């Protein structure tokens, strides 16, 4: 893999911004150096991801979506982060394993994939826990193919079905087209769900969906697509009610300045039950900024 060539004309995600990240930054806001904001045990993931001590979560800086509502805005849009060499990143992975992490969870990693692969190459023979790829879902199937043999568990979002909603909130009208194809590529790559004796996921795909205020029908469309295109033995579905409105929500997205109602959330959960989807749902009390990590460079 010619990492320099990849970063000289970046096309790692559907933005295909073609930025020369060796001298500047891509749409994601990042150069050709890894930036991260936190690496620590995280106990608030799905039960099969954080089942004992917590996921060994590495929060990368920057993002190829830059959603208007992002709860991690300080690192995704404001780009707070600490520069790490590939060797330092590999050491982070080993430290998390030594701390008892249930897995290595890579959060928003797309724009650093070649460097993450290089870091994993250094330590993969010493890692005995799964590697989890936690992504907003806006992925190229070609980038997912690069990760074959490196990722054990995929944890993608499917955020939007409607091109109009995706355009309004993430400037990505083609979001579902790419996310749906990428998810199918992930499933094909890692195969059926596989667990250890403690209920921890060793292999497989968990699709997350965050329910937004005013958009329950869009959520239902996503669940219906999942039911038709995937199998319960290869996919878990995690329906989240944690949407939290923040002060920085723009004026043209006023509908996002409130939490999801009980009616909206239950409507989505009811449809998931009708479709016999297998997975998890979140308590609406999770809709709080108390669950946003402190991005203070811990563990880096």
Protein backbone atom coordinates (compact mmCIF):
# COMPACT_ATOMS: atom_id res chain seq x y z
CA UNK A 1 0.00 0.00 0.00
CA UNK A 2 1.43 3.36 -1.06
CA UNK A 3 0.16 5.50 1.82
CA UNK A 4 1.75 8.69 0.51
CA UNK A 5 0.00 8.27 -2.84
CA UNK A 6 -3.34 7.73 -1.10
CA UNK A 7 -2.97 10.91 0.91
CA UNK A 8 -1.67 13.00 -1.97
CA UNK A 9 -5.05 12.68 -3.68
CA UNK A 10 -7.41 11.49 -0.99
CA UNK A 11 -10.37 9.35 -2.02
CA UNK A 12 -10.87 7.28 1.12
CA UNK A 13 -14.52 8.25 1.56
CA UNK A 14 -17.46 9.13 -0.71
CA UNK A 15 -16.51 12.81 -0.60
CA UNK A 16 -13.54 11.94 -2.87
CA UNK A 17 -12.23 15.41 -2.12
CA UNK A 18 -8.90 14.67 -3.84
CA UNK A 19 -7.12 16.84 -1.26
CA UNK A 20 -3.37 16.59 -0.93
CA UNK A 21 -3.29 15.74 2.74
CA UNK A 22 0.51 15.63 2.76
CA UNK A 23 0.49 19.43 2.51
CA UNK A 24 -3.02 20.38 3.62
CA UNK A 25 -6.28 18.92 4.93
CA UNK A 26 -9.15 16.99 3.43
CA UNK A 27 -12.89 17.57 3.80
CA UNK A 28 -12.54 15.66 7.08
CA UNK A 29 -10.31 18.46 8.39
CA UNK A 30 -7.32 16.18 8.83
CA UNK A 31 -3.83 15.94 7.30
CA UNK A 32 -1.89 12.71 6.71
CA UNK A 33 -1.11 12.34 10.43
CA UNK A 34 -3.34 10.56 12.94
CA UNK A 35 -5.08 12.85 15.40
CA UNK A 36 -7.05 11.47 18.35
CA UNK A 37 -8.69 12.97 21.43
CA UNK A 38 -9.14 10.09 23.84
CA UNK A 39 -8.29 6.40 24.32
CA UNK A 40 -9.95 4.73 27.28
CA UNK A 41 -12.32 2.03 28.47
CA UNK A 42 -15.88 2.94 27.50
CA UNK A 43 -18.69 1.07 29.25
CA UNK A 44 -21.70 2.63 27.53
CA UNK A 45 -21.67 0.66 24.30
CA UNK A 46 -24.03 -2.19 23.33
CA UNK A 47 -23.92 -5.17 25.74
CA UNK A 48 -22.09 -7.35 23.24
CA UNK A 49 -19.45 -4.64 22.63
CA UNK A 50 -18.85 -3.54 26.24
CA UNK A 51 -19.69 -6.68 28.15
CA UNK A 52 -17.06 -6.84 30.88
CA UNK A 53 -14.55 -4.01 31.42
CA UNK A 54 -15.62 -1.79 28.52
CA UNK A 55 -14.61 -1.22 24.93
CA UNK A 56 -11.08 0.03 24.38
CA UNK A 57 -12.25 3.13 22.56
CA UNK A 58 -9.99 5.34 20.47
CA UNK A 59 -11.76 8.57 19.46
CA UNK A 60 -10.19 9.94 16.28
CA UNK A 61 -10.41 13.62 15.38
CA UNK A 62 -12.07 14.93 12.24
CA UNK A 63 -14.98 13.43 10.31
CA UNK A 64 -16.13 12.98 6.72
CA UNK A 65 -19.75 13.83 7.65
CA UNK A 66 -19.53 16.83 10.02
CA UNK A 67 -23.20 16.54 10.98
CA UNK A 68 -24.86 19.71 12.26
CA UNK A 69 -25.97 17.98 15.50
CA UNK A 70 -22.86 15.95 16.38
CA UNK A 71 -22.52 15.30 20.12
CA UNK A 72 -18.76 14.95 19.59
CA UNK A 73 -18.63 18.31 17.82
CA UNK A 74 -15.47 19.41 19.61
CA UNK A 75 -13.45 16.69 17.83
CA UNK A 76 -15.46 16.11 14.65
CA UNK A 77 -16.03 19.71 13.59
CA UNK A 78 -13.78 21.79 15.86
CA UNK A 79 -11.01 19.22 15.27
CA UNK A 80 -9.59 19.01 18.76
CA UNK A 81 -6.93 16.31 18.85
CA UNK A 82 -3.40 15.21 19.57
CA UNK A 83 -1.03 14.10 16.82
CA UNK A 84 0.17 10.49 17.03
CA UNK A 85 2.76 8.59 15.06
CA UNK A 86 1.82 5.16 13.77
CA UNK A 87 4.06 3.62 16.42
CA UNK A 88 2.37 5.64 19.16
CA UNK A 89 -1.05 4.54 17.91
CA UNK A 90 0.01 0.89 18.01
CA UNK A 91 1.19 1.41 21.60
CA UNK A 92 -2.25 2.83 22.45
CA UNK A 93 -3.84 -0.39 21.23
CA UNK A 94 -1.59 -2.51 23.42
CA UNK A 95 -2.14 -0.29 26.48
CA UNK A 96 -5.90 -0.62 26.12
CA UNK A 97 -5.56 -4.39 25.92
CA UNK A 98 -3.38 -4.37 29.03
CA UNK A 99 -6.06 -2.35 30.84
CA UNK A 100 -8.53 -5.16 30.18
CA UNK A 101 -10.41 -3.72 27.21
CA UNK A 102 -13.05 -6.02 25.74
CA UNK A 103 -11.90 -4.95 22.27
CA UNK A 104 -10.14 -2.17 20.39
CA UNK A 105 -12.88 0.17 19.17
CA UNK A 106 -11.89 2.60 16.43
CA UNK A 107 -14.32 5.55 16.46
CA UNK A 108 -14.67 7.63 13.26
CA UNK A 109 -11.59 6.04 11.68
CA UNK A 110 -12.34 6.28 7.95
CA UNK A 111 -9.99 9.11 7.05
CA UNK A 112 -7.07 7.37 8.82
CA UNK A 113 -7.58 3.83 7.50
CA UNK A 114 -4.14 3.39 5.84
CA UNK A 115 -2.36 4.54 9.02
CA UNK A 116 -4.57 2.38 11.25
CA UNK A 117 -3.74 -0.65 9.11
CA UNK A 118 -0.05 0.15 9.46
CA UNK A 119 -0.42 0.44 13.26
CA UNK A 120 -2.32 -2.84 13.43
CA UNK A 121 0.38 -4.53 11.35
CA UNK A 122 2.87 -3.66 14.09
CA UNK A 123 0.87 -5.23 16.93
CA UNK A 124 -1.76 -7.58 15.49
CA UNK A 125 0.31 -10.64 16.50
CA UNK A 126 0.06 -9.40 20.11
CA UNK A 127 -3.62 -8.47 20.11
CA UNK A 128 -5.94 -11.20 21.40
CA UNK A 129 -9.12 -9.12 21.48
CA UNK A 130 -11.39 -8.14 18.56
CA UNK A 131 -10.97 -4.92 16.59
CA UNK A 132 -14.19 -2.92 16.17
CA UNK A 133 -14.75 -0.36 13.39
CA UNK A 134 -17.23 2.26 14.64
CA UNK A 135 -18.26 4.46 11.72
CA UNK A 136 -20.88 7.01 10.72
CA UNK A 137 -21.60 4.77 7.74
CA UNK A 138 -20.51 7.13 4.96
CA UNK A 139 -18.01 4.70 3.52
CA UNK A 140 -16.67 3.46 0.23
CA UNK A 141 -16.85 -0.28 -0.27
CA UNK A 142 -13.29 -0.04 -1.62
CA UNK A 143 -12.06 1.33 1.71
CA UNK A 144 -13.89 -1.42 3.57
CA UNK A 145 -12.11 -3.94 1.30
CA UNK A 146 -8.76 -2.55 2.49
CA UNK A 147 -9.71 -3.60 6.02
CA UNK A 148 -10.29 -7.26 5.21
CA UNK A 149 -8.49 -9.35 7.84
CA UNK A 150 -8.02 -6.38 10.18
CA UNK A 151 -11.57 -5.79 11.46
CA UNK A 152 -13.56 -8.36 13.42
CA UNK A 153 -16.69 -6.38 14.24
CA UNK A 154 -18.25 -3.61 12.20
CA UNK A 155 -20.35 -1.03 14.07
CA UNK A 156 -21.77 1.26 11.35
CA UNK A 157 -24.50 3.83 11.60
CA UNK A 158 -27.23 4.03 9.04
CA UNK A 159 -28.31 7.57 9.77
CA UNK A 160 -30.62 8.56 6.93
CA UNK A 161 -32.77 7.00 4.25
CA UNK A 162 -33.96 10.24 2.67
CA UNK A 163 -31.48 12.13 0.45
CA UNK A 164 -33.11 15.42 1.51
CA UNK A 165 -32.56 14.78 5.22
CA UNK A 166 -29.00 13.60 4.60
CA UNK A 167 -28.30 16.73 2.56
CA UNK A 168 -29.74 19.04 5.21
CA UNK A 169 -27.94 17.56 8.20
CA UNK A 170 -24.70 16.22 6.71
CA UNK A 171 -24.37 17.74 3.20
CA UNK A 172 -24.44 14.19 1.86
CA UNK A 173 -27.53 13.53 -0.29
CA UNK A 174 -25.94 10.28 -1.48
CA UNK A 175 -25.53 9.03 2.11
CA UNK A 176 -27.89 6.06 2.01
CA UNK A 177 -26.64 4.86 -1.35
CA UNK A 178 -23.09 4.60 -0.01
CA UNK A 179 -23.97 3.49 3.53
CA UNK A 180 -26.23 0.67 2.40
CA UNK A 181 -23.60 -0.71 0.01
CA UNK A 182 -20.86 -0.36 2.61
CA UNK A 183 -22.89 -2.21 5.24
CA UNK A 184 -23.48 -5.11 2.87
CA UNK A 185 -19.74 -5.19 2.14
CA UNK A 186 -19.02 -5.28 5.89
CA UNK A 187 -21.42 -8.16 6.42
CA UNK A 188 -19.94 -10.10 3.51
CA UNK A 189 -16.44 -9.57 4.89
CA UNK A 190 -16.90 -10.62 8.55
CA UNK A 191 -19.73 -13.10 8.16
CA UNK A 192 -22.17 -14.38 10.75
CA UNK A 193 -22.36 -13.23 14.35
CA UNK A 194 -19.99 -15.07 16.66
CA UNK A 195 -19.70 -14.68 20.44
CA UNK A 196 -17.37 -15.68 23.24
CA UNK A 197 -18.57 -17.47 26.38
CA UNK A 198 -19.28 -14.14 28.11
CA UNK A 199 -21.56 -12.84 25.38
CA UNK A 200 -18.95 -10.59 23.78
CA UNK A 201 -19.12 -10.25 20.03
CA UNK A 202 -16.09 -11.76 18.30
CA UNK A 203 -17.27 -11.40 14.70
CA UNK A 204 -20.18 -9.73 12.98
CA UNK A 205 -21.96 -6.47 12.27
CA UNK A 206 -24.05 -4.25 14.52
CA UNK A 207 -26.02 -1.58 12.67
CA UNK A 208 -26.79 1.51 14.73
CA UNK A 209 -29.58 3.94 14.06
CA UNK A 210 -30.20 7.15 15.99
CA UNK A 211 -33.84 8.26 15.93
CA UNK A 212 -34.19 11.96 15.15
CA UNK A 213 -37.04 14.26 16.19
CA UNK A 214 -39.63 14.72 13.41
CA UNK A 215 -38.21 11.87 11.29
CA UNK A 216 -39.69 8.61 12.57
CA UNK A 217 -40.80 7.59 9.08
CA UNK A 218 -37.23 7.87 7.84
CA UNK A 219 -36.14 5.61 10.71
CA UNK A 220 -38.80 3.08 9.78
CA UNK A 221 -37.65 3.07 6.14
CA UNK A 222 -34.14 2.19 7.31
CA UNK A 223 -35.41 -0.67 9.49
CA UNK A 224 -37.47 -2.02 6.59
CA UNK A 225 -34.39 -1.99 4.35
CA UNK A 226 -32.40 -3.87 7.00
CA UNK A 227 -35.15 -6.49 7.33
CA UNK A 228 -35.21 -7.13 3.60
CA UNK A 229 -31.46 -7.06 2.93
CA UNK A 230 -29.85 -8.71 5.96
CA UNK A 231 -30.27 -11.79 8.11
CA UNK A 232 -30.67 -11.99 11.93
CA UNK A 233 -27.76 -14.43 12.12
CA UNK A 234 -25.38 -11.87 10.63
CA UNK A 235 -26.64 -8.52 11.93
CA UNK A 236 -27.75 -6.97 15.19
CA UNK A 237 -29.67 -3.69 15.12
CA UNK A 238 -29.12 -1.05 17.81
CA UNK A 239 -31.87 1.57 17.93
CA UNK A 240 -30.79 4.64 19.87
CA UNK A 241 -32.90 7.29 21.58
CA UNK A 242 -29.98 9.36 22.83
CA UNK A 243 -30.36 12.28 20.45
CA UNK A 244 -29.44 15.39 22.45
CA UNK A 245 -30.05 18.95 21.18
CA UNK A 246 -27.11 21.32 21.53
CA UNK A 247 -26.84 25.11 21.37
CA UNK A 248 -24.92 25.01 18.10
CA UNK A 249 -27.83 23.55 16.09
CA UNK A 250 -28.30 26.00 13.15
CA UNK A 251 -31.46 28.05 12.68
CA UNK A 252 -32.53 26.15 9.56
CA UNK A 253 -32.60 22.91 11.60
CA UNK A 254 -34.93 24.07 14.37
CA UNK A 255 -36.68 20.70 14.40
CA UNK A 256 -33.51 19.29 15.95
CA UNK A 257 -33.69 21.63 18.94
CA UNK A 258 -35.73 19.15 20.96
CA UNK A 259 -35.42 15.57 22.10
CA UNK A 260 -37.25 12.67 20.48
CA UNK A 261 -40.70 12.17 21.98
CA UNK A 262 -41.81 8.93 23.59
CA UNK A 263 -44.36 8.50 20.79
CA UNK A 264 -41.74 8.93 18.06
CA UNK A 265 -39.30 6.54 19.66
CA UNK A 266 -41.87 3.89 20.48
CA UNK A 267 -43.22 4.04 16.93
CA UNK A 268 -39.79 3.07 15.65
CA UNK A 269 -39.35 0.35 18.27
CA UNK A 270 -42.78 -1.08 17.46
CA UNK A 271 -41.87 -1.35 13.78
CA UNK A 272 -38.58 -3.06 14.65
CA UNK A 273 -40.54 -5.63 16.65
CA UNK A 274 -42.97 -6.16 13.77
CA UNK A 275 -40.00 -6.79 11.48
CA UNK A 276 -38.49 -9.26 14.00
CA UNK A 277 -35.19 -7.44 14.03
CA UNK A 278 -32.63 -8.78 16.48
CA UNK A 279 -30.70 -6.38 18.67
CA UNK A 280 -30.99 -3.60 21.23
CA UNK A 281 -32.89 -0.45 22.08
CA UNK A 282 -31.74 2.39 24.27
CA UNK A 283 -33.54 4.00 27.18
CA UNK A 284 -34.63 7.54 26.30
CA UNK A 285 -32.89 8.73 29.49
CA UNK A 286 -29.66 8.37 27.51
CA UNK A 287 -30.54 11.63 25.76
CA UNK A 288 -28.15 13.67 27.87
CA UNK A 289 -24.79 15.36 27.39
CA UNK A 290 -23.62 13.46 30.48
CA UNK A 291 -22.76 10.59 28.17
CA UNK A 292 -20.43 12.68 26.00
CA UNK A 293 -16.82 11.78 26.88
CA UNK A 294 -14.33 14.35 28.10
CA UNK A 295 -11.93 14.71 25.19
CA UNK A 296 -8.91 15.52 27.31
CA UNK A 297 -6.38 13.29 25.51
CA UNK A 298 -6.67 10.60 28.18
CA UNK A 299 -4.76 7.47 27.21
CA UNK A 300 -2.75 9.19 24.53
